[in-house]
């Protein structure tokens, strides 16, 4: 396996969820087999360079998706909040403290 191909393989694996080497996911097994068979068929396959470029693009796309998810989580913290929590935080932002509601009481 050439150093360029090895770095592409590692870049793809870096973007996948971490698993132990003894217990890989089916996706990791498929990627490993594709790269393992790719080294022996390198000279015979006329589309080998295209496949390597596609693998690089997949790694870059996965990295961009991970970065996007981290940025959305960072700059949109209200996505995971309940409506009551959003209202309480909005009230605190303008200087009000909402009274603590008693569970089971009528609203």
PDB file of N, CA and C in Angstrom:
ATOM      1  N   UNK A   1       0.860  -1.176   0.000  1.00  0.00           N
ATOM      2  CA  UNK A   1       0.000   0.000   0.000  1.00  0.00           C
ATOM      3  C   UNK A   1       0.904   1.236   0.000  1.00  0.00           C
ATOM      4  N   UNK A   2       0.652   2.130  -0.927  1.00  0.00           N
ATOM      5  CA  UNK A   2       1.468   3.335  -1.029  1.00  0.00           C
ATOM      6  C   UNK A   2       1.156   4.281   0.130  1.00  0.00           C
ATOM      7  N   UNK A   3       2.075   5.172   0.453  1.00  0.00           N
ATOM      8  CA  UNK A   3       1.816   6.120   1.557  1.00  0.00           C
ATOM      9  C   UNK A   3       0.581   6.992   1.312  1.00  0.00           C
ATOM     10  N   UNK A   4       0.355   7.374   0.065  1.00  0.00           N
ATOM     11  CA  UNK A   4      -0.812   8.200  -0.265  1.00  0.00           C
ATOM     12  C   UNK A   4      -2.104   7.421  -0.008  1.00  0.00           C
ATOM     13  N   UNK A   5      -2.129   6.183  -0.419  1.00  0.00           N
ATOM     14  CA  UNK A   5      -3.302   5.336  -0.214  1.00  0.00           C
ATOM     15  C   UNK A   5      -3.511   5.053   1.268  1.00  0.00           C
ATOM     16  N   UNK A   6      -2.429   4.848   1.996  1.00  0.00           N
ATOM     17  CA  UNK A   6      -2.511   4.597   3.435  1.00  0.00           C
ATOM     18  C   UNK A   6      -3.068   5.820   4.172  1.00  0.00           C
ATOM     19  N   UNK A   7      -2.649   7.013   3.772  1.00  0.00           N
ATOM     20  CA  UNK A   7      -3.157   8.219   4.439  1.00  0.00           C
ATOM     21  C   UNK A   7      -4.643   8.424   4.142  1.00  0.00           C
ATOM     22  N   UNK A   8      -5.076   8.069   2.941  1.00  0.00           N
ATOM     23  CA  UNK A   8      -6.501   8.152   2.609  1.00  0.00           C
ATOM     24  C   UNK A   8      -7.297   7.176   3.452  1.00  0.00           C
ATOM     25  N   UNK A   9      -6.794   5.965   3.579  1.00  0.00           N
ATOM     26  CA  UNK A   9      -7.451   4.935   4.395  1.00  0.00           C
ATOM     27  C   UNK A   9      -7.570   5.393   5.848  1.00  0.00           C
ATOM     28  N   UNK A  10      -6.508   5.938   6.374  1.00  0.00           N
ATOM     29  CA  UNK A  10      -6.530   6.412   7.765  1.00  0.00           C
ATOM     30  C   UNK A  10      -7.456   7.610   7.938  1.00  0.00           C
ATOM     31  N   UNK A  11      -7.524   8.479   6.950  1.00  0.00           N
ATOM     32  CA  UNK A  11      -8.421   9.637   7.034  1.00  0.00           C
ATOM     33  C   UNK A  11      -9.878   9.189   7.090  1.00  0.00           C
ATOM     34  N   UNK A  12     -10.211   8.168   6.320  1.00  0.00           N
ATOM     35  CA  UNK A  12     -11.584   7.645   6.360  1.00  0.00           C
ATOM     36  C   UNK A  12     -11.866   7.030   7.716  1.00  0.00           C
ATOM     37  N   UNK A  13     -10.949   6.220   8.219  1.00  0.00           N
ATOM     38  CA  UNK A  13     -11.171   5.568   9.510  1.00  0.00           C
ATOM     39  C   UNK A  13     -11.237   6.575  10.651  1.00  0.00           C
ATOM     40  N   UNK A  14     -10.518   7.683  10.535  1.00  0.00           N
ATOM     41  CA  UNK A  14     -10.543   8.713  11.572  1.00  0.00           C
ATOM     42  C   UNK A  14     -11.929   9.324  11.729  1.00  0.00           C
ATOM     43  N   UNK A  15     -12.672   9.396  10.650  1.00  0.00           N
ATOM     44  CA  UNK A  15     -13.987  10.028  10.684  1.00  0.00           C
ATOM     45  C   UNK A  15     -15.092   9.082  11.141  1.00  0.00           C
ATOM     46  N   UNK A  16     -14.818   7.797  11.178  1.00  0.00           N
ATOM     47  CA  UNK A  16     -15.815   6.831  11.642  1.00  0.00           C
ATOM     48  C   UNK A  16     -15.797   6.766  13.159  1.00  0.00           C
ATOM     49  N   UNK A  17     -16.910   6.345  13.771  1.00  0.00           N
ATOM     50  CA  UNK A  17     -16.912   6.181  15.231  1.00  0.00           C
ATOM     51  C   UNK A  17     -15.846   5.179  15.660  1.00  0.00           C
ATOM     52  N   UNK A  18     -15.232   5.445  16.789  1.00  0.00           N
ATOM     53  CA  UNK A  18     -14.139   4.601  17.272  1.00  0.00           C
ATOM     54  C   UNK A  18     -14.655   3.234  17.699  1.00  0.00           C
ATOM     55  N   UNK A  19     -13.939   2.200  17.296  1.00  0.00           N
ATOM     56  CA  UNK A  19     -14.218   0.825  17.697  1.00  0.00           C
ATOM     57  C   UNK A  19     -12.876   0.133  17.893  1.00  0.00           C
ATOM     58  N   UNK A  20     -12.896  -0.966  18.613  1.00  0.00           N
ATOM     59  CA  UNK A  20     -11.661  -1.719  18.801  1.00  0.00           C
ATOM     60  C   UNK A  20     -11.320  -2.460  17.511  1.00  0.00           C
ATOM     61  N   UNK A  21     -10.049  -2.769  17.343  1.00  0.00           N
ATOM     62  CA  UNK A  21      -9.630  -3.492  16.146  1.00  0.00           C
ATOM     63  C   UNK A  21     -10.190  -4.903  16.117  1.00  0.00           C
ATOM     64  N   UNK A  22     -10.411  -5.486  17.297  1.00  0.00           N
ATOM     65  CA  UNK A  22     -10.933  -6.849  17.342  1.00  0.00           C
ATOM     66  C   UNK A  22     -12.437  -6.899  17.089  1.00  0.00           C
ATOM     67  N   UNK A  23     -13.127  -5.748  17.146  1.00  0.00           N
ATOM     68  CA  UNK A  23     -14.574  -5.710  16.961  1.00  0.00           C
ATOM     69  C   UNK A  23     -14.957  -4.583  15.994  1.00  0.00           C
ATOM     70  N   UNK A  24     -14.543  -4.670  14.721  1.00  0.00           N
ATOM     71  CA  UNK A  24     -14.858  -3.585  13.781  1.00  0.00           C
ATOM     72  C   UNK A  24     -16.311  -3.655  13.311  1.00  0.00           C
ATOM     73  N   UNK A  25     -16.827  -2.512  12.893  1.00  0.00           N
ATOM     74  CA  UNK A  25     -18.180  -2.457  12.344  1.00  0.00           C
ATOM     75  C   UNK A  25     -18.159  -3.054  10.933  1.00  0.00           C
ATOM     76  N   UNK A  26     -19.315  -3.425  10.405  1.00  0.00           N
ATOM     77  CA  UNK A  26     -19.346  -3.933   9.024  1.00  0.00           C
ATOM     78  C   UNK A  26     -18.811  -2.915   8.012  1.00  0.00           C
ATOM     79  N   UNK A  27     -19.059  -1.628   8.264  1.00  0.00           N
ATOM     80  CA  UNK A  27     -18.538  -0.599   7.365  1.00  0.00           C
ATOM     81  C   UNK A  27     -17.012  -0.573   7.394  1.00  0.00           C
ATOM     82  N   UNK A  28     -16.430  -0.655   8.587  1.00  0.00           N
ATOM     83  CA  UNK A  28     -14.973  -0.679   8.690  1.00  0.00           C
ATOM     84  C   UNK A  28     -14.395  -1.915   8.013  1.00  0.00           C
ATOM     85  N   UNK A  29     -15.067  -3.047   8.149  1.00  0.00           N
ATOM     86  CA  UNK A  29     -14.595  -4.267   7.490  1.00  0.00           C
ATOM     87  C   UNK A  29     -14.634  -4.111   5.973  1.00  0.00           C
ATOM     88  N   UNK A  30     -15.705  -3.513   5.473  1.00  0.00           N
ATOM     89  CA  UNK A  30     -15.834  -3.322   4.020  1.00  0.00           C
ATOM     90  C   UNK A  30     -14.762  -2.364   3.499  1.00  0.00           C
ATOM     91  N   UNK A  31     -14.512  -1.297   4.232  1.00  0.00           N
ATOM     92  CA  UNK A  31     -13.474  -0.346   3.819  1.00  0.00           C
ATOM     93  C   UNK A  31     -12.106  -1.019   3.841  1.00  0.00           C
ATOM     94  N   UNK A  32     -11.847  -1.786   4.889  1.00  0.00           N
ATOM     95  CA  UNK A  32     -10.564  -2.486   4.998  1.00  0.00           C
ATOM     96  C   UNK A  32     -10.369  -3.444   3.829  1.00  0.00           C
ATOM     97  N   UNK A  33     -11.412  -4.196   3.482  1.00  0.00           N
ATOM     98  CA  UNK A  33     -11.313  -5.135   2.362  1.00  0.00           C
ATOM     99  C   UNK A  33     -11.119  -4.406   1.036  1.00  0.00           C
ATOM    100  N   UNK A  34     -11.803  -3.289   0.860  1.00  0.00           N
ATOM    101  CA  UNK A  34     -11.660  -2.530  -0.385  1.00  0.00           C
ATOM    102  C   UNK A  34     -10.232  -2.023  -0.550  1.00  0.00           C
ATOM    103  N   UNK A  35      -9.638  -1.558   0.528  1.00  0.00           N
ATOM    104  CA  UNK A  35      -8.261  -1.065   0.428  1.00  0.00           C
ATOM    105  C   UNK A  35      -7.271  -2.216   0.333  1.00  0.00           C
ATOM    106  N   UNK A  36      -7.577  -3.320   0.974  1.00  0.00           N
ATOM    107  CA  UNK A  36      -6.681  -4.473   0.914  1.00  0.00           C
ATOM    108  C   UNK A  36      -6.666  -5.058  -0.493  1.00  0.00           C
ATOM    109  N   UNK A  37      -7.830  -5.218  -1.119  1.00  0.00           N
ATOM    110  CA  UNK A  37      -7.877  -5.755  -2.480  1.00  0.00           C
ATOM    111  C   UNK A  37      -7.431  -4.710  -3.494  1.00  0.00           C
ATOM    112  N   UNK A  38      -7.543  -3.446  -3.144  1.00  0.00           N
ATOM    113  CA  UNK A  38      -7.138  -2.378  -4.054  1.00  0.00           C
ATOM    114  C   UNK A  38      -5.651  -2.367  -4.334  1.00  0.00           C
ATOM    115  N   UNK A  39      -4.845  -2.836  -3.397  1.00  0.00           N
ATOM    116  CA  UNK A  39      -3.402  -2.822  -3.617  1.00  0.00           C
ATOM    117  C   UNK A  39      -2.981  -3.877  -4.622  1.00  0.00           C
ATOM    118  N   UNK A  40      -3.649  -5.026  -4.630  1.00  0.00           N
ATOM    119  CA  UNK A  40      -3.254  -6.078  -5.564  1.00  0.00           C
ATOM    120  C   UNK A  40      -3.786  -5.816  -6.971  1.00  0.00           C
ATOM    121  N   UNK A  41      -4.902  -5.118  -7.071  1.00  0.00           N
ATOM    122  CA  UNK A  41      -5.511  -4.853  -8.374  1.00  0.00           C
ATOM    123  C   UNK A  41      -5.122  -3.488  -8.932  1.00  0.00           C
ATOM    124  N   UNK A  42      -4.184  -2.833  -8.303  1.00  0.00           N
ATOM    125  CA  UNK A  42      -3.828  -1.468  -8.686  1.00  0.00           C
ATOM    126  C   UNK A  42      -3.394  -1.386 -10.144  1.00  0.00           C
ATOM    127  N   UNK A  43      -2.546  -2.277 -10.569  1.00  0.00           N
ATOM    128  CA  UNK A  43      -2.039  -2.213 -11.938  1.00  0.00           C
ATOM    129  C   UNK A  43      -3.101  -2.635 -12.951  1.00  0.00           C
ATOM    130  N   UNK A  44      -3.996  -3.533 -12.563  1.00  0.00           N
ATOM    131  CA  UNK A  44      -4.985  -4.064 -13.497  1.00  0.00           C
ATOM    132  C   UNK A  44      -6.187  -3.138 -13.676  1.00  0.00           C
ATOM    133  N   UNK A  45      -6.524  -2.341 -12.688  1.00  0.00           N
ATOM    134  CA  UNK A  45      -7.736  -1.519 -12.733  1.00  0.00           C
ATOM    135  C   UNK A  45      -7.439  -0.152 -13.355  1.00  0.00           C
ATOM    136  N   UNK A  46      -8.059   0.157 -14.500  1.00  0.00           N
ATOM    137  CA  UNK A  46      -7.801   1.465 -15.117  1.00  0.00           C
ATOM    138  C   UNK A  46      -8.449   2.623 -14.350  1.00  0.00           C
ATOM    139  N   UNK A  47      -9.429   2.331 -13.499  1.00  0.00           N
ATOM    140  CA  UNK A  47     -10.132   3.373 -12.747  1.00  0.00           C
ATOM    141  C   UNK A  47      -9.619   3.480 -11.313  1.00  0.00           C
ATOM    142  N   UNK A  48      -8.444   2.977 -11.061  1.00  0.00           N
ATOM    143  CA  UNK A  48      -7.913   2.956  -9.696  1.00  0.00           C
ATOM    144  C   UNK A  48      -7.742   4.365  -9.136  1.00  0.00           C
ATOM    145  N   UNK A  49      -7.160   5.270  -9.912  1.00  0.00           N
ATOM    146  CA  UNK A  49      -6.940   6.642  -9.441  1.00  0.00           C
ATOM    147  C   UNK A  49      -8.261   7.342  -9.147  1.00  0.00           C
ATOM    148  N   UNK A  50      -9.268   7.069  -9.964  1.00  0.00           N
ATOM    149  CA  UNK A  50     -10.584   7.666  -9.737  1.00  0.00           C
ATOM    150  C   UNK A  50     -11.166   7.170  -8.420  1.00  0.00           C
ATOM    151  N   UNK A  51     -11.002   5.901  -8.122  1.00  0.00           N
ATOM    152  CA  UNK A  51     -11.508   5.350  -6.861  1.00  0.00           C
ATOM    153  C   UNK A  51     -10.775   5.939  -5.664  1.00  0.00           C
ATOM    154  N   UNK A  52      -9.486   6.164  -5.804  1.00  0.00           N
ATOM    155  CA  UNK A  52      -8.719   6.783  -4.719  1.00  0.00           C
ATOM    156  C   UNK A  52      -9.205   8.213  -4.495  1.00  0.00           C
ATOM    157  N   UNK A  53      -9.452   8.948  -5.569  1.00  0.00           N
ATOM    158  CA  UNK A  53      -9.964  10.314  -5.439  1.00  0.00           C
ATOM    159  C   UNK A  53     -11.348  10.328  -4.802  1.00  0.00           C
ATOM    160  N   UNK A  54     -12.191   9.361  -5.145  1.00  0.00           N
ATOM    161  CA  UNK A  54     -13.515   9.270  -4.521  1.00  0.00           C
ATOM    162  C   UNK A  54     -13.390   8.987  -3.028  1.00  0.00           C
ATOM    163  N   UNK A  55     -12.444   8.137  -2.657  1.00  0.00           N
ATOM    164  CA  UNK A  55     -12.223   7.840  -1.238  1.00  0.00           C
ATOM    165  C   UNK A  55     -11.753   9.089  -0.500  1.00  0.00           C
ATOM    166  N   UNK A  56     -10.877   9.873  -1.124  1.00  0.00           N
ATOM    167  CA  UNK A  56     -10.425  11.121  -0.510  1.00  0.00           C
ATOM    168  C   UNK A  56     -11.591  12.096  -0.334  1.00  0.00           C
ATOM    169  N   UNK A  57     -12.456  12.162  -1.335  1.00  0.00           N
ATOM    170  CA  UNK A  57     -13.615  13.044  -1.243  1.00  0.00           C
ATOM    171  C   UNK A  57     -14.575  12.583  -0.150  1.00  0.00           C
ATOM    172  N   UNK A  58     -14.724  11.280   0.008  1.00  0.00           N
ATOM    173  CA  UNK A  58     -15.582  10.761   1.075  1.00  0.00           C
ATOM    174  C   UNK A  58     -15.026  11.133   2.442  1.00  0.00           C
ATOM    175  N   UNK A  59     -13.714  11.027   2.601  1.00  0.00           N
ATOM    176  CA  UNK A  59     -13.086  11.399   3.870  1.00  0.00           C
ATOM    177  C   UNK A  59     -13.270  12.886   4.138  1.00  0.00           C
ATOM    178  N   UNK A  60     -13.109  13.693   3.110  1.00  0.00           N
ATOM    179  CA  UNK A  60     -13.283  15.140   3.262  1.00  0.00           C
ATOM    180  C   UNK A  60     -14.738  15.476   3.591  1.00  0.00           C
ATOM    181  N   UNK A  61     -15.685  14.794   2.968  1.00  0.00           N
ATOM    182  CA  UNK A  61     -17.104  15.018   3.241  1.00  0.00           C
ATOM    183  C   UNK A  61     -17.445  14.633   4.677  1.00  0.00           C
ATOM    184  N   UNK A  62     -16.938  13.494   5.135  1.00  0.00           N
ATOM    185  CA  UNK A  62     -17.212  13.058   6.509  1.00  0.00           C
ATOM    186  C   UNK A  62     -16.622  14.043   7.516  1.00  0.00           C
ATOM    187  N   UNK A  63     -15.444  14.566   7.228  1.00  0.00           N
ATOM    188  CA  UNK A  63     -14.822  15.557   8.103  1.00  0.00           C
ATOM    189  C   UNK A  63     -15.661  16.837   8.144  1.00  0.00           C
ATOM    190  N   UNK A  64     -16.158  17.263   6.985  1.00  0.00           N
ATOM    191  CA  UNK A  64     -16.991  18.469   6.919  1.00  0.00           C
ATOM    192  C   UNK A  64     -18.303  18.267   7.674  1.00  0.00           C
ATOM    193  N   UNK A  65     -18.894  17.083   7.577  1.00  0.00           N
ATOM    194  CA  UNK A  65     -20.133  16.803   8.297  1.00  0.00           C
ATOM    195  C   UNK A  65     -19.911  16.829   9.805  1.00  0.00           C
ATOM    196  N   UNK A  66     -18.789  16.283  10.248  1.00  0.00           N
ATOM    197  CA  UNK A  66     -18.477  16.289  11.680  1.00  0.00           C
ATOM    198  C   UNK A  66     -18.290  17.721  12.171  1.00  0.00           C
ATOM    199  N   UNK A  67     -17.589  18.535  11.404  1.00  0.00           N
ATOM    200  CA  UNK A  67     -17.384  19.936  11.761  1.00  0.00           C
ATOM    201  C   UNK A  67     -18.710  20.685  11.777  1.00  0.00           C
ATOM    202  N   UNK A  68     -19.560  20.424  10.793  1.00  0.00           N
ATOM    203  CA  UNK A  68     -20.871  21.066  10.726  1.00  0.00           C
ATOM    204  C   UNK A  68     -21.705  20.726  11.956  1.00  0.00           C
ATOM    205  N   UNK A  69     -21.728  19.459  12.336  1.00  0.00           N
ATOM    206  CA  UNK A  69     -22.509  19.043  13.509  1.00  0.00           C
ATOM    207  C   UNK A  69     -21.990  19.719  14.772  1.00  0.00           C
ATOM    208  N   UNK A  70     -20.668  19.839  14.892  1.00  0.00           N
ATOM    209  CA  UNK A  70     -20.093  20.494  16.068  1.00  0.00           C
ATOM    210  C   UNK A  70     -20.461  21.982  16.100  1.00  0.00           C
ATOM    211  N   UNK A  71     -20.440  22.639  14.941  1.00  0.00           N
ATOM    212  CA  UNK A  71     -20.792  24.060  14.888  1.00  0.00           C
ATOM    213  C   UNK A  71     -22.274  24.291  15.170  1.00  0.00           C
ATOM    214  N   UNK A  72     -23.132  23.434  14.653  1.00  0.00           N
ATOM    215  CA  UNK A  72     -24.567  23.565  14.925  1.00  0.00           C
ATOM    216  C   UNK A  72     -24.824  23.390  16.413  1.00  0.00           C
ATOM    217  N   UNK A  73     -24.175  22.419  17.006  1.00  0.00           N
ATOM    218  CA  UNK A  73     -24.353  22.180  18.439  1.00  0.00           C
ATOM    219  C   UNK A  73     -23.849  23.371  19.251  1.00  0.00           C
ATOM    220  N   UNK A  74     -22.748  23.967  18.812  1.00  0.00           N
ATOM    221  CA  UNK A  74     -22.161  25.083  19.549  1.00  0.00           C
ATOM    222  C   UNK A  74     -22.989  26.361  19.440  1.00  0.00           C
ATOM    223  N   UNK A  75     -23.445  26.683  18.229  1.00  0.00           N
ATOM    224  CA  UNK A  75     -24.105  27.965  18.015  1.00  0.00           C
ATOM    225  C   UNK A  75     -25.629  27.903  18.057  1.00  0.00           C
ATOM    226  N   UNK A  76     -26.213  26.740  18.193  1.00  0.00           N
ATOM    227  CA  UNK A  76     -27.660  26.593  18.337  1.00  0.00           C
ATOM    228  C   UNK A  76     -27.959  25.712  19.545  1.00  0.00           C
ATOM    229  N   UNK A  77     -27.622  26.178  20.739  1.00  0.00           N
ATOM    230  CA  UNK A  77     -27.832  25.320  21.912  1.00  0.00           C
ATOM    231  C   UNK A  77     -29.305  25.089  22.218  1.00  0.00           C
ATOM    232  N   UNK A  78     -30.192  25.903  21.678  1.00  0.00           N
ATOM    233  CA  UNK A  78     -31.612  25.760  21.952  1.00  0.00           C
ATOM    234  C   UNK A  78     -32.277  24.608  21.223  1.00  0.00           C
ATOM    235  N   UNK A  79     -31.562  23.967  20.316  1.00  0.00           N
ATOM    236  CA  UNK A  79     -32.162  22.872  19.558  1.00  0.00           C
ATOM    237  C   UNK A  79     -32.597  21.721  20.450  1.00  0.00           C
ATOM    238  N   UNK A  80     -31.860  21.467  21.498  1.00  0.00           N
ATOM    239  CA  UNK A  80     -32.161  20.319  22.349  1.00  0.00           C
ATOM    240  C   UNK A  80     -32.937  20.702  23.599  1.00  0.00           C
ATOM    241  N   UNK A  81     -33.280  21.978  23.744  1.00  0.00           N
ATOM    242  CA  UNK A  81     -34.003  22.424  24.940  1.00  0.00           C
ATOM    243  C   UNK A  81     -35.504  22.231  24.774  1.00  0.00           C
ATOM    244  N   UNK A  82     -36.172  22.047  25.902  1.00  0.00           N
ATOM    245  CA  UNK A  82     -37.631  22.000  25.889  1.00  0.00           C
ATOM    246  C   UNK A  82     -38.164  23.424  25.786  1.00  0.00           C
ATOM    247  N   UNK A  83     -39.452  23.548  25.487  1.00  0.00           N
ATOM    248  CA  UNK A  83     -40.056  24.877  25.339  1.00  0.00           C
ATOM    249  C   UNK A  83     -40.011  25.656  26.654  1.00  0.00           C
ATOM    250  N   UNK A  84     -40.254  24.974  27.770  1.00  0.00           N
ATOM    251  CA  UNK A  84     -40.222  25.644  29.077  1.00  0.00           C
ATOM    252  C   UNK A  84     -38.824  26.166  29.391  1.00  0.00           C
ATOM    253  N   UNK A  85     -37.832  25.379  29.057  1.00  0.00           N
ATOM    254  CA  UNK A  85     -36.455  25.798  29.321  1.00  0.00           C
ATOM    255  C   UNK A  85     -36.083  27.005  28.457  1.00  0.00           C
ATOM    256  N   UNK A  86     -36.532  27.022  27.208  1.00  0.00           N
ATOM    257  CA  UNK A  86     -36.277  28.172  26.340  1.00  0.00           C
ATOM    258  C   UNK A  86     -36.923  29.436  26.901  1.00  0.00           C
ATOM    259  N   UNK A  87     -38.166  29.313  27.369  1.00  0.00           N
ATOM    260  CA  UNK A  87     -38.875  30.468  27.935  1.00  0.00           C
ATOM    261  C   UNK A  87     -38.164  30.970  29.183  1.00  0.00           C
ATOM    262  N   UNK A  88     -37.752  30.053  30.050  1.00  0.00           N
ATOM    263  CA  UNK A  88     -37.065  30.437  31.287  1.00  0.00           C
ATOM    264  C   UNK A  88     -35.758  31.171  30.978  1.00  0.00           C
ATOM    265  N   UNK A  89     -34.982  30.659  30.035  1.00  0.00           N
ATOM    266  CA  UNK A  89     -33.715  31.306  29.692  1.00  0.00           C
ATOM    267  C   UNK A  89     -33.935  32.652  29.006  1.00  0.00           C
ATOM    268  N   UNK A  90     -34.973  32.761  28.183  1.00  0.00           N
ATOM    269  CA  UNK A  90     -35.284  34.044  27.551  1.00  0.00           C
ATOM    270  C   UNK A  90     -35.677  35.073  28.602  1.00  0.00           C
ATOM    271  N   UNK A  91     -36.475  34.666  29.574  1.00  0.00           N
ATOM    272  CA  UNK A  91     -36.872  35.578  30.656  1.00  0.00           C
ATOM    273  C   UNK A  91     -35.655  36.020  31.459  1.00  0.00           C
ATOM    274  N   UNK A  92     -34.753  35.115  31.746  1.00  0.00           N
ATOM    275  CA  UNK A  92     -33.538  35.486  32.491  1.00  0.00           C
ATOM    276  C   UNK A  92     -32.674  36.445  31.693  1.00  0.00           C
ATOM    277  N   UNK A  93     -32.675  36.294  30.384  1.00  0.00           N
ATOM    278  CA  UNK A  93     -31.851  37.150  29.541  1.00  0.00           C
ATOM    279  C   UNK A  93     -32.292  38.610  29.624  1.00  0.00           C
ATOM    280  N   UNK A  94     -33.598  38.851  29.804  1.00  0.00           N
ATOM    281  CA  UNK A  94     -34.097  40.227  29.892  1.00  0.00           C
ATOM    282  C   UNK A  94     -34.270  40.693  31.331  1.00  0.00           C
ATOM    283  N   UNK A  95     -33.888  39.866  32.295  1.00  0.00           N
ATOM    284  CA  UNK A  95     -33.887  40.308  33.681  1.00  0.00           C
ATOM    285  C   UNK A  95     -34.991  39.772  34.557  1.00  0.00           C
ATOM    286  N   UNK A  96     -35.808  38.882  34.060  1.00  0.00           N
ATOM    287  CA  UNK A  96     -36.880  38.304  34.872  1.00  0.00           C
ATOM    288  C   UNK A  96     -36.487  36.927  35.370  1.00  0.00           C
ATOM    289  N   UNK A  97     -36.972  36.597  36.554  1.00  0.00           N
ATOM    290  CA  UNK A  97     -36.836  35.235  37.057  1.00  0.00           C
ATOM    291  C   UNK A  97     -38.234  34.663  37.176  1.00  0.00           C
ATOM    292  N   UNK A  98     -38.506  33.626  36.425  1.00  0.00           N
ATOM    293  CA  UNK A  98     -39.826  33.006  36.481  1.00  0.00           C
ATOM    294  C   UNK A  98     -39.965  32.218  37.773  1.00  0.00           C
ATOM    295  N   UNK A  99     -41.160  32.202  38.352  1.00  0.00           N
ATOM    296  CA  UNK A  99     -41.352  31.409  39.568  1.00  0.00           C
ATOM    297  C   UNK A  99     -41.241  29.923  39.248  1.00  0.00           C
ATOM    298  N   UNK A 100     -40.809  29.165  40.240  1.00  0.00           N
ATOM    299  CA  UNK A 100     -40.680  27.725  40.068  1.00  0.00           C
ATOM    300  C   UNK A 100     -42.076  27.124  40.083  1.00  0.00           C
ATOM    301  N   UNK A 101     -42.421  26.389  39.041  1.00  0.00           N
ATOM    302  CA  UNK A 101     -43.746  25.777  38.949  1.00  0.00           C
ATOM    303  C   UNK A 101     -43.761  24.491  39.760  1.00  0.00           C
ATOM    304  N   UNK A 102     -44.870  24.265  40.457  1.00  0.00           N
ATOM    305  CA  UNK A 102     -45.028  23.051  41.251  1.00  0.00           C
ATOM    306  C   UNK A 102     -45.537  21.957  40.328  1.00  0.00           C
ATOM    307  N   UNK A 103     -44.915  20.787  40.388  1.00  0.00           N
ATOM    308  CA  UNK A 103     -45.328  19.668  39.553  1.00  0.00           C
ATOM    309  C   UNK A 103     -46.732  19.226  39.929  1.00  0.00           C
ATOM    310  N   UNK A 104     -47.571  19.005  38.944  1.00  0.00           N
ATOM    311  CA  UNK A 104     -48.921  18.521  39.181  1.00  0.00           C
ATOM    312  C   UNK A 104     -49.927  19.624  39.432  1.00  0.00           C
ATOM    313  N   UNK A 105     -49.497  20.854  39.541  1.00  0.00           N
ATOM    314  CA  UNK A 105     -50.418  21.974  39.785  1.00  0.00           C
ATOM    315  C   UNK A 105     -51.015  22.425  38.462  1.00  0.00           C
ATOM    316  N   UNK A 106     -52.197  23.057  38.536  1.00  0.00           N
ATOM    317  CA  UNK A 106     -52.832  23.577  37.326  1.00  0.00           C
ATOM    318  C   UNK A 106     -52.080  24.813  36.855  1.00  0.00           C
ATOM    319  N   UNK A 107     -52.044  24.970  35.558  1.00  0.00           N
ATOM    320  CA  UNK A 107     -51.336  26.135  35.006  1.00  0.00           C
ATOM    321  C   UNK A 107     -52.286  27.243  34.683  1.00  0.00           C
TER     322      UNK A 107
END
